[in-house]
Amino acid sequence: MTSNHERGYVDKMYFEKAGKENTEKTLQIAKEEAIRRKIKHIVVASTFGDTGVAAAELLKGTGINLVVVTHNTGFREDVVQTFSLDAKKKIEELGGKVHTGTMVLRGLGTALKERGGSSQEQIVADTLRILGQGTKVIVEITAMSADAGLIPFADIIAVAGTGRGADTAAVISANSSNKFFEIKVKEYLAKPKNL
């Protein structure tokens, strides 16, 4: 009997709980599916660097373009970058790229909201979070990476999580932030069931 995997179907992983304990499995699924589908670009969210380093170690020697996207400087505290410089160095030594830029669904909209205004970015972010925090982040880091010219406007795999680590992976048709609604989440590869 032919397995679903041999027929081209993905055996999707739905985690019982969201969280960093799913990181290793999520990254492994992303790698296997990128190789199987001949997708040459994986984008991974990483706040402190742990998930980024794990992805770089796993993807070493595969020929896959790894882009690790950090929070913007000042995200938590003025002038502070939470992403470890040691992690950045390690990822780059392993062949990955680290991108720190303006977060598409946070930036100016958050500043306006904090002054009592409304934010269209926040509405979009909250709508995406209906499907989980990881879904919001995979879409956002895809736009950020495309804006920076680090990935093509083509199918990529994006990986993110809920809080720390990774628990969400999907095949995404990438585009830039000015064409945000042209970005398409085509297929989940891993996702938590209980958000």
C-alpha atoms as a PDB file:
ATOM      1  CA  MET A   1       0.000   0.000   0.000  1.00  0.00           C
ATOM      2  CA  THR A   2       1.271   3.494  -0.867  1.00  0.00           C
ATOM      3  CA  SER A   3       1.548   5.930   2.034  1.00  0.00           C
ATOM      4  CA  ASN A   4       0.093   9.441   1.960  1.00  0.00           C
ATOM      5  CA  HIS A   5       3.654  10.802   1.898  1.00  0.00           C
ATOM      6  CA  GLU A   6       4.517   8.738  -1.212  1.00  0.00           C
ATOM      7  CA  ARG A   7       1.382  10.037  -2.951  1.00  0.00           C
ATOM      8  CA  GLY A   8       2.486  13.620  -2.309  1.00  0.00           C
ATOM      9  CA  TYR A   9       0.223  14.294   0.650  1.00  0.00           C
ATOM     10  CA  VAL A  10       1.706  15.851   3.738  1.00  0.00           C
ATOM     11  CA  ASP A  11       1.137  14.117   7.039  1.00  0.00           C
ATOM     12  CA  LYS A  12       0.331  17.304   8.917  1.00  0.00           C
ATOM     13  CA  MET A  13       1.285  17.691  12.542  1.00  0.00           C
ATOM     14  CA  TYR A  14      -1.277  19.186  14.896  1.00  0.00           C
ATOM     15  CA  PHE A  15       0.249  19.731  18.306  1.00  0.00           C
ATOM     16  CA  GLU A  16      -1.966  19.274  21.363  1.00  0.00           C
ATOM     17  CA  LYS A  17      -0.527  22.415  22.976  1.00  0.00           C
ATOM     18  CA  ALA A  18       1.172  25.513  21.631  1.00  0.00           C
ATOM     19  CA  GLY A  19       4.716  26.226  22.746  1.00  0.00           C
ATOM     20  CA  LYS A  20       8.452  25.787  22.485  1.00  0.00           C
ATOM     21  CA  GLU A  21       8.365  22.045  23.190  1.00  0.00           C
ATOM     22  CA  ASN A  22       7.262  21.683  19.533  1.00  0.00           C
ATOM     23  CA  THR A  23      10.304  23.489  18.106  1.00  0.00           C
ATOM     24  CA  GLU A  24      12.437  20.521  17.073  1.00  0.00           C
ATOM     25  CA  LYS A  25       9.542  18.700  15.384  1.00  0.00           C
ATOM     26  CA  THR A  26       8.307  21.868  13.629  1.00  0.00           C
ATOM     27  CA  LEU A  27      11.767  22.632  12.229  1.00  0.00           C
ATOM     28  CA  GLN A  28      12.227  19.018  11.122  1.00  0.00           C
ATOM     29  CA  ILE A  29       8.884  19.068   9.279  1.00  0.00           C
ATOM     30  CA  ALA A  30       9.825  22.355   7.589  1.00  0.00           C
ATOM     31  CA  LYS A  31      13.161  20.929   6.439  1.00  0.00           C
ATOM     32  CA  GLU A  32      11.691  17.670   5.152  1.00  0.00           C
ATOM     33  CA  GLU A  33       8.911  19.419   3.256  1.00  0.00           C
ATOM     34  CA  ALA A  34      11.275  22.019   1.770  1.00  0.00           C
ATOM     35  CA  ILE A  35      13.485  19.239   0.444  1.00  0.00           C
ATOM     36  CA  ARG A  36      10.566  17.140  -0.804  1.00  0.00           C
ATOM     37  CA  ARG A  37       8.887  20.098  -2.544  1.00  0.00           C
ATOM     38  CA  LYS A  38      12.168  21.613  -3.759  1.00  0.00           C
ATOM     39  CA  ILE A  39      11.445  24.849  -1.873  1.00  0.00           C
ATOM     40  CA  LYS A  40      14.732  26.696  -1.481  1.00  0.00           C
ATOM     41  CA  HIS A  41      13.801  29.300   1.160  1.00  0.00           C
ATOM     42  CA  ILE A  42      12.795  28.945   4.813  1.00  0.00           C
ATOM     43  CA  VAL A  43      12.017  31.971   6.990  1.00  0.00           C
ATOM     44  CA  VAL A  44      12.109  31.488  10.768  1.00  0.00           C
ATOM     45  CA  ALA A  45      11.051  33.863  13.556  1.00  0.00           C
ATOM     46  CA  SER A  46      13.439  34.074  16.505  1.00  0.00           C
ATOM     47  CA  THR A  47      13.255  36.564  19.372  1.00  0.00           C
ATOM     48  CA  PHE A  48      16.394  35.677  21.317  1.00  0.00           C
ATOM     49  CA  GLY A  49      18.225  33.445  18.820  1.00  0.00           C
ATOM     50  CA  ASP A  50      17.601  29.918  20.100  1.00  0.00           C
ATOM     51  CA  THR A  51      15.134  28.926  17.371  1.00  0.00           C
ATOM     52  CA  GLY A  52      17.272  30.585  14.707  1.00  0.00           C
ATOM     53  CA  VAL A  53      20.392  28.668  15.759  1.00  0.00           C
ATOM     54  CA  ALA A  54      18.441  25.389  15.879  1.00  0.00           C
ATOM     55  CA  ALA A  55      17.172  26.024  12.330  1.00  0.00           C
ATOM     56  CA  ALA A  56      20.649  26.930  11.054  1.00  0.00           C
ATOM     57  CA  GLU A  57      22.158  23.778  12.550  1.00  0.00           C
ATOM     58  CA  LEU A  58      19.393  21.611  11.069  1.00  0.00           C
ATOM     59  CA  LEU A  59      19.589  23.196   7.586  1.00  0.00           C
ATOM     60  CA  LYS A  60      23.387  23.254   7.336  1.00  0.00           C
ATOM     61  CA  GLY A  61      24.528  21.738   4.051  1.00  0.00           C
ATOM     62  CA  THR A  62      21.032  21.485   2.499  1.00  0.00           C
ATOM     63  CA  GLY A  63      21.402  24.453   0.143  1.00  0.00           C
ATOM     64  CA  ILE A  64      18.244  25.986   1.618  1.00  0.00           C
ATOM     65  CA  ASN A  65      18.346  29.774   2.084  1.00  0.00           C
ATOM     66  CA  LEU A  66      17.589  30.355   5.778  1.00  0.00           C
ATOM     67  CA  VAL A  67      16.390  33.802   6.839  1.00  0.00           C
ATOM     68  CA  VAL A  68      15.985  34.322  10.580  1.00  0.00           C
ATOM     69  CA  VAL A  69      13.797  37.324  11.442  1.00  0.00           C
ATOM     70  CA  THR A  70      14.192  39.047  14.813  1.00  0.00           C
ATOM     71  CA  HIS A  71      12.088  41.555  16.689  1.00  0.00           C
ATOM     72  CA  ASN A  72      12.916  45.161  15.909  1.00  0.00           C
ATOM     73  CA  THR A  73      15.350  46.954  18.209  1.00  0.00           C
ATOM     74  CA  GLY A  74      13.352  48.658  20.967  1.00  0.00           C
ATOM     75  CA  PHE A  75      10.522  46.098  20.819  1.00  0.00           C
ATOM     76  CA  ARG A  76      10.589  45.487  24.577  1.00  0.00           C
ATOM     77  CA  GLU A  77      12.845  48.244  25.874  1.00  0.00           C
ATOM     78  CA  ASP A  78      14.269  51.387  24.286  1.00  0.00           C
ATOM     79  CA  VAL A  79      17.444  50.791  22.293  1.00  0.00           C
ATOM     80  CA  VAL A  80      17.638  47.121  23.329  1.00  0.00           C
ATOM     81  CA  GLN A  81      17.913  44.294  20.788  1.00  0.00           C
ATOM     82  CA  THR A  82      16.807  41.007  22.364  1.00  0.00           C
ATOM     83  CA  PHE A  83      18.446  38.835  19.706  1.00  0.00           C
ATOM     84  CA  SER A  84      21.785  37.476  20.908  1.00  0.00           C
ATOM     85  CA  LEU A  85      24.875  38.661  19.023  1.00  0.00           C
ATOM     86  CA  ASP A  86      26.401  35.222  19.609  1.00  0.00           C
ATOM     87  CA  ALA A  87      23.345  33.605  17.991  1.00  0.00           C
ATOM     88  CA  LYS A  88      23.590  35.974  15.024  1.00  0.00           C
ATOM     89  CA  LYS A  89      27.249  35.078  14.542  1.00  0.00           C
ATOM     90  CA  LYS A  90      26.527  31.326  14.791  1.00  0.00           C
ATOM     91  CA  ILE A  91      23.633  31.507  12.285  1.00  0.00           C
ATOM     92  CA  GLU A  92      25.767  33.439   9.808  1.00  0.00           C
ATOM     93  CA  GLU A  93      28.685  31.010  10.258  1.00  0.00           C
ATOM     94  CA  LEU A  94      26.277  28.178   9.412  1.00  0.00           C
ATOM     95  CA  GLY A  95      25.190  29.995   6.227  1.00  0.00           C
ATOM     96  CA  GLY A  96      21.961  31.639   7.388  1.00  0.00           C
ATOM     97  CA  LYS A  97      20.966  35.290   7.253  1.00  0.00           C
ATOM     98  CA  VAL A  98      19.598  37.345  10.150  1.00  0.00           C
ATOM     99  CA  HIS A  99      17.157  40.163   9.406  1.00  0.00           C
ATOM    100  CA  THR A 100      16.155  42.847  11.896  1.00  0.00           C
ATOM    101  CA  GLY A 101      13.687  45.340  10.495  1.00  0.00           C
ATOM    102  CA  THR A 102      10.406  47.116  11.050  1.00  0.00           C
ATOM    103  CA  MET A 103       7.679  44.664  11.956  1.00  0.00           C
ATOM    104  CA  VAL A 104       4.975  44.991   9.324  1.00  0.00           C
ATOM    105  CA  LEU A 105       2.046  44.569  11.736  1.00  0.00           C
ATOM    106  CA  ARG A 106       3.488  46.610  14.580  1.00  0.00           C
ATOM    107  CA  GLY A 107       5.569  49.670  13.608  1.00  0.00           C
ATOM    108  CA  LEU A 108       3.705  52.930  13.093  1.00  0.00           C
ATOM    109  CA  GLY A 109       0.296  51.433  13.904  1.00  0.00           C
ATOM    110  CA  THR A 110       1.441  50.573  17.422  1.00  0.00           C
ATOM    111  CA  ALA A 111       2.774  54.098  17.929  1.00  0.00           C
ATOM    112  CA  LEU A 112      -0.575  55.562  16.848  1.00  0.00           C
ATOM    113  CA  LYS A 113      -2.510  53.148  19.050  1.00  0.00           C
ATOM    114  CA  GLU A 114      -0.394  54.062  22.080  1.00  0.00           C
ATOM    115  CA  ARG A 115      -1.409  57.705  21.536  1.00  0.00           C
ATOM    116  CA  GLY A 116      -5.091  56.842  21.607  1.00  0.00           C
ATOM    117  CA  GLY A 117      -5.533  56.378  17.858  1.00  0.00           C
ATOM    118  CA  SER A 118      -6.606  53.345  15.938  1.00  0.00           C
ATOM    119  CA  SER A 119      -4.410  50.989  14.020  1.00  0.00           C
ATOM    120  CA  GLN A 120      -5.328  49.137  10.860  1.00  0.00           C
ATOM    121  CA  GLU A 121      -2.201  47.037  11.379  1.00  0.00           C
ATOM    122  CA  GLN A 122      -3.528  45.909  14.771  1.00  0.00           C
ATOM    123  CA  ILE A 123      -6.850  44.873  13.219  1.00  0.00           C
ATOM    124  CA  VAL A 124      -5.021  42.739  10.653  1.00  0.00           C
ATOM    125  CA  ALA A 125      -2.715  41.274  13.322  1.00  0.00           C
ATOM    126  CA  ASP A 126      -5.616  40.406  15.632  1.00  0.00           C
ATOM    127  CA  THR A 127      -7.548  38.846  12.748  1.00  0.00           C
ATOM    128  CA  LEU A 128      -4.594  36.613  11.843  1.00  0.00           C
ATOM    129  CA  ARG A 129      -4.242  35.636  15.528  1.00  0.00           C
ATOM    130  CA  ILE A 130      -7.678  34.006  15.309  1.00  0.00           C
ATOM    131  CA  LEU A 131      -5.756  31.211  13.593  1.00  0.00           C
ATOM    132  CA  GLY A 132      -2.978  31.374  16.201  1.00  0.00           C
ATOM    133  CA  GLN A 133      -0.056  33.615  17.094  1.00  0.00           C
ATOM    134  CA  GLY A 134       2.183  31.567  14.814  1.00  0.00           C
ATOM    135  CA  THR A 135      -0.046  32.327  11.829  1.00  0.00           C
ATOM    136  CA  LYS A 136       0.217  36.066  12.417  1.00  0.00           C
ATOM    137  CA  VAL A 137       3.994  35.811  12.690  1.00  0.00           C
ATOM    138  CA  ILE A 138       4.591  33.590   9.632  1.00  0.00           C
ATOM    139  CA  VAL A 139       2.727  36.051   7.436  1.00  0.00           C
ATOM    140  CA  GLU A 140       4.538  39.026   8.969  1.00  0.00           C
ATOM    141  CA  ILE A 141       8.063  37.565   8.681  1.00  0.00           C
ATOM    142  CA  THR A 142       7.368  36.548   5.091  1.00  0.00           C
ATOM    143  CA  ALA A 143       6.524  40.171   4.198  1.00  0.00           C
ATOM    144  CA  MET A 144       9.549  41.471   6.114  1.00  0.00           C
ATOM    145  CA  SER A 145      11.911  39.061   4.350  1.00  0.00           C
ATOM    146  CA  ALA A 146      10.443  39.871   0.934  1.00  0.00           C
ATOM    147  CA  ASP A 147      10.714  43.619   1.655  1.00  0.00           C
ATOM    148  CA  ALA A 148      14.412  43.132   2.457  1.00  0.00           C
ATOM    149  CA  GLY A 149      15.005  41.203  -0.778  1.00  0.00           C
ATOM    150  CA  LEU A 150      16.056  38.088   1.149  1.00  0.00           C
ATOM    151  CA  ILE A 151      13.474  35.766  -0.440  1.00  0.00           C
ATOM    152  CA  PRO A 152      11.800  35.670  -3.848  1.00  0.00           C
ATOM    153  CA  PHE A 153       8.126  36.315  -4.478  1.00  0.00           C
ATOM    154  CA  ALA A 154       7.490  32.584  -4.715  1.00  0.00           C
ATOM    155  CA  ASP A 155       6.603  29.640  -2.486  1.00  0.00           C
ATOM    156  CA  ILE A 156       8.614  29.548   0.727  1.00  0.00           C
ATOM    157  CA  ILE A 157       8.189  27.844   4.090  1.00  0.00           C
ATOM    158  CA  ALA A 158       7.747  30.070   7.138  1.00  0.00           C
ATOM    159  CA  VAL A 159       8.156  28.931  10.742  1.00  0.00           C
ATOM    160  CA  ALA A 160       7.090  30.734  13.930  1.00  0.00           C
ATOM    161  CA  GLY A 161       5.617  30.033  17.305  1.00  0.00           C
ATOM    162  CA  THR A 162       3.487  30.986  20.246  1.00  0.00           C
ATOM    163  CA  GLY A 163       5.640  32.784  22.791  1.00  0.00           C
ATOM    164  CA  ARG A 164       9.051  31.089  22.547  1.00  0.00           C
ATOM    165  CA  GLY A 165      10.149  28.426  20.089  1.00  0.00           C
ATOM    166  CA  ALA A 166       8.294  27.179  17.027  1.00  0.00           C
ATOM    167  CA  ASP A 167       4.959  25.415  16.684  1.00  0.00           C
ATOM    168  CA  THR A 168       3.657  26.654  13.319  1.00  0.00           C
ATOM    169  CA  ALA A 169       4.989  26.016   9.807  1.00  0.00           C
ATOM    170  CA  ALA A 170       3.324  26.644   6.467  1.00  0.00           C
ATOM    171  CA  VAL A 171       3.960  26.892   2.762  1.00  0.00           C
ATOM    172  CA  ILE A 172       3.397  30.518   1.825  1.00  0.00           C
ATOM    173  CA  SER A 173       3.294  32.347  -1.483  1.00  0.00           C
ATOM    174  CA  ALA A 174       5.522  35.315  -0.572  1.00  0.00           C
ATOM    175  CA  ASN A 175       5.088  38.966  -1.453  1.00  0.00           C
ATOM    176  CA  SER A 176       6.112  42.346  -0.082  1.00  0.00           C
ATOM    177  CA  SER A 177       4.338  44.333   2.619  1.00  0.00           C
ATOM    178  CA  ASN A 178       2.923  46.832   0.118  1.00  0.00           C
ATOM    179  CA  LYS A 179       1.140  43.840  -1.463  1.00  0.00           C
ATOM    180  CA  PHE A 180       0.343  42.243   1.893  1.00  0.00           C
ATOM    181  CA  PHE A 181      -2.977  40.769   0.781  1.00  0.00           C
ATOM    182  CA  GLU A 182      -1.250  38.970  -2.098  1.00  0.00           C
ATOM    183  CA  ILE A 183       0.598  36.841   0.475  1.00  0.00           C
ATOM    184  CA  LYS A 184      -1.166  33.482   0.634  1.00  0.00           C
ATOM    185  CA  VAL A 185      -0.900  30.830   3.329  1.00  0.00           C
ATOM    186  CA  LYS A 186      -1.192  27.857   1.000  1.00  0.00           C
ATOM    187  CA  GLU A 187      -0.814  24.941   3.375  1.00  0.00           C
ATOM    188  CA  TYR A 188      -0.111  24.386   7.052  1.00  0.00           C
ATOM    189  CA  LEU A 189       2.576  21.816   7.762  1.00  0.00           C
ATOM    190  CA  ALA A 190       2.420  22.088  11.569  1.00  0.00           C
ATOM    191  CA  LYS A 191       0.160  23.995  13.910  1.00  0.00           C
ATOM    192  CA  PRO A 192      -1.086  23.832  17.499  1.00  0.00           C
ATOM    193  CA  LYS A 193      -4.712  22.697  17.951  1.00  0.00           C
ATOM    194  CA  ASN A 194      -5.238  24.361  21.292  1.00  0.00           C
ATOM    195  CA  LEU A 195      -4.395  28.025  21.064  1.00  0.00           C
END
